Amino acid sequence: QVQLVESGGGLVQAGDSLRLSCAASGRTFSSVAMAWFRQAPGKEREFVAAVSWSGSRTYYADSVKGRFTVSRDNVKNTVYLQMNSLKPEDTARYYCAADNIGTYASVSYRHWGQGTQVTVSS
């Protein structure tokens, strides 16, 4: 059974940093793209960042560009999201996704985690 398990969320202050991790199990994801999305209460799920299967290409939403960094370790079957200079508007539940069907930024991924909450206080 395929599983994606996120960790690393928490409550931080504006300007702080957090590192999210997403551990994949049940199959190897080294040949597929992986991504991070987020969803705030009352809002639609939105794209945050994606990384190609090799890790050589990364993609970011404009709102996080320059502050967030996505990376992956295919040996550990894990993808990371380093979040710096956090802002209150980054508050959301962050989801890991794997194996896109559509574009990197679309929500058309075959596998999703349960999410981890990130709350940024002002």
Protein backbone atom coordinates (compact mmCIF):
# COMPACT_ATOMS: atom_id res chain seq x y z
CA GLN A 1 0.00 0.00 0.00
CA VAL A 2 1.35 3.39 -1.02
CA GLN A 3 1.76 5.85 1.81
CA LEU A 4 3.01 9.41 2.02
CA VAL A 5 3.56 10.66 5.56
CA GLU A 6 4.31 14.31 6.23
CA SER A 7 6.04 15.62 9.34
CA GLY A 8 7.72 18.75 10.62
CA GLY A 9 4.79 21.13 10.92
CA GLY A 10 4.17 23.26 13.96
CA LEU A 11 3.48 26.68 15.43
CA VAL A 12 6.14 29.31 14.73
CA GLN A 13 6.48 33.06 14.69
CA ALA A 14 6.74 35.23 11.61
CA GLY A 15 10.29 35.16 10.28
CA ASP A 16 11.03 31.68 11.60
CA SER A 17 11.89 28.59 9.59
CA LEU A 18 10.48 25.08 9.37
CA ARG A 19 11.50 21.99 7.44
CA LEU A 20 8.77 19.64 6.31
CA SER A 21 9.48 16.05 5.36
CA CYS A 22 7.42 13.57 3.37
CA ALA A 23 8.38 9.92 3.65
CA ALA A 24 7.08 7.61 0.95
CA SER A 25 6.55 3.90 1.38
CA GLY A 26 4.89 1.07 -0.45
CA ARG A 27 6.75 1.72 -3.67
CA THR A 28 9.70 3.70 -4.87
CA PHE A 29 9.01 7.22 -6.08
CA SER A 30 12.44 7.86 -7.51
CA SER A 31 11.06 7.97 -11.07
CA VAL A 32 8.18 10.40 -10.51
CA ALA A 33 7.75 14.04 -9.63
CA MET A 34 6.78 15.01 -6.11
CA ALA A 35 5.17 18.18 -4.87
CA TRP A 36 3.90 20.19 -1.93
CA PHE A 37 0.49 21.81 -1.79
CA ARG A 38 -1.24 23.70 0.99
CA GLN A 39 -4.77 24.47 2.00
CA ALA A 40 -5.95 27.14 4.38
CA PRO A 41 -9.43 27.04 5.97
CA GLY A 42 -12.07 28.11 3.50
CA LYS A 43 -9.65 28.16 0.59
CA GLU A 44 -8.83 25.80 -2.23
CA ARG A 45 -5.76 23.63 -2.18
CA GLU A 46 -2.91 25.49 -3.86
CA PHE A 47 0.40 24.54 -5.36
CA VAL A 48 3.51 25.38 -3.37
CA ALA A 49 6.49 23.61 -4.94
CA ALA A 50 7.45 20.59 -7.01
CA VAL A 51 10.60 18.67 -7.79
CA SER A 52 11.32 16.46 -10.78
CA TRP A 53 12.17 12.80 -10.39
CA SER A 54 15.92 13.44 -10.45
CA GLY A 55 15.77 16.56 -8.32
CA SER A 56 17.38 18.62 -11.05
CA ARG A 57 14.31 20.74 -11.73
CA THR A 58 12.24 22.61 -9.18
CA TYR A 59 9.12 24.73 -9.49
CA TYR A 60 7.61 27.23 -7.07
CA ALA A 61 4.52 29.29 -6.59
CA ASP A 62 5.27 32.99 -6.85
CA SER A 63 4.17 33.47 -3.25
CA VAL A 64 6.97 31.29 -1.89
CA LYS A 65 9.72 31.82 -4.45
CA GLY A 66 12.95 32.85 -2.76
CA ARG A 67 11.76 31.70 0.67
CA PHE A 68 10.99 27.98 0.21
CA THR A 69 13.23 25.25 -1.16
CA VAL A 70 12.05 21.82 -2.27
CA SER A 71 14.44 18.89 -2.46
CA ARG A 72 14.40 15.11 -2.45
CA ASP A 73 16.49 12.15 -1.40
CA ASN A 74 15.67 9.20 -3.62
CA VAL A 75 17.68 6.82 -1.48
CA LYS A 76 15.51 7.66 1.52
CA ASN A 77 12.36 7.99 -0.63
CA THR A 78 11.77 11.36 1.01
CA VAL A 79 10.98 14.86 -0.19
CA TYR A 80 11.61 18.00 1.85
CA LEU A 81 10.31 21.54 1.98
CA GLN A 82 12.58 24.05 3.68
CA MET A 83 10.52 27.11 4.59
CA ASN A 84 12.32 30.29 5.60
CA SER A 85 11.06 33.77 6.44
CA LEU A 86 7.63 32.40 7.21
CA LYS A 87 4.67 34.75 7.09
CA PRO A 88 1.23 34.51 8.70
CA GLU A 89 -0.24 33.99 5.23
CA ASP A 90 1.76 30.76 4.99
CA THR A 91 -0.52 29.28 7.64
CA ALA A 92 -2.17 26.19 6.15
CA ARG A 93 -2.18 22.44 6.12
CA TYR A 94 0.66 21.26 3.91
CA TYR A 95 0.23 18.16 1.77
CA CYS A 96 2.76 16.01 -0.03
CA ALA A 97 1.85 14.59 -3.42
CA ALA A 98 3.52 12.17 -5.78
CA ASP A 99 3.28 11.08 -9.40
CA ASN A 100 1.58 13.87 -11.31
CA ILE A 101 -0.93 13.19 -14.07
CA GLY A 102 -1.17 16.78 -15.26
CA THR A 103 1.22 19.69 -14.87
CA TYR A 104 3.40 20.03 -11.81
CA ALA A 105 1.17 22.75 -10.38
CA SER A 106 -2.15 21.01 -10.87
CA VAL A 107 -3.77 18.94 -8.16
CA SER A 108 -3.74 15.90 -10.43
CA TYR A 109 -1.39 13.69 -8.48
CA ARG A 110 -2.04 10.01 -7.92
CA HIS A 111 -0.90 9.86 -4.31
CA TRP A 112 -1.46 12.25 -1.40
CA GLY A 113 -0.46 12.38 2.23
CA GLN A 114 -2.69 13.37 5.13
CA GLY A 115 -0.95 16.69 5.64
CA THR A 116 0.85 18.51 8.42
CA GLN A 117 -0.31 21.79 9.96
CA VAL A 118 1.84 24.90 9.78
CA THR A 119 0.73 27.90 11.79
CA VAL A 120 2.63 31.17 11.65
CA SER A 121 1.82 33.80 14.24
CA SER A 122 2.45 37.50 13.71
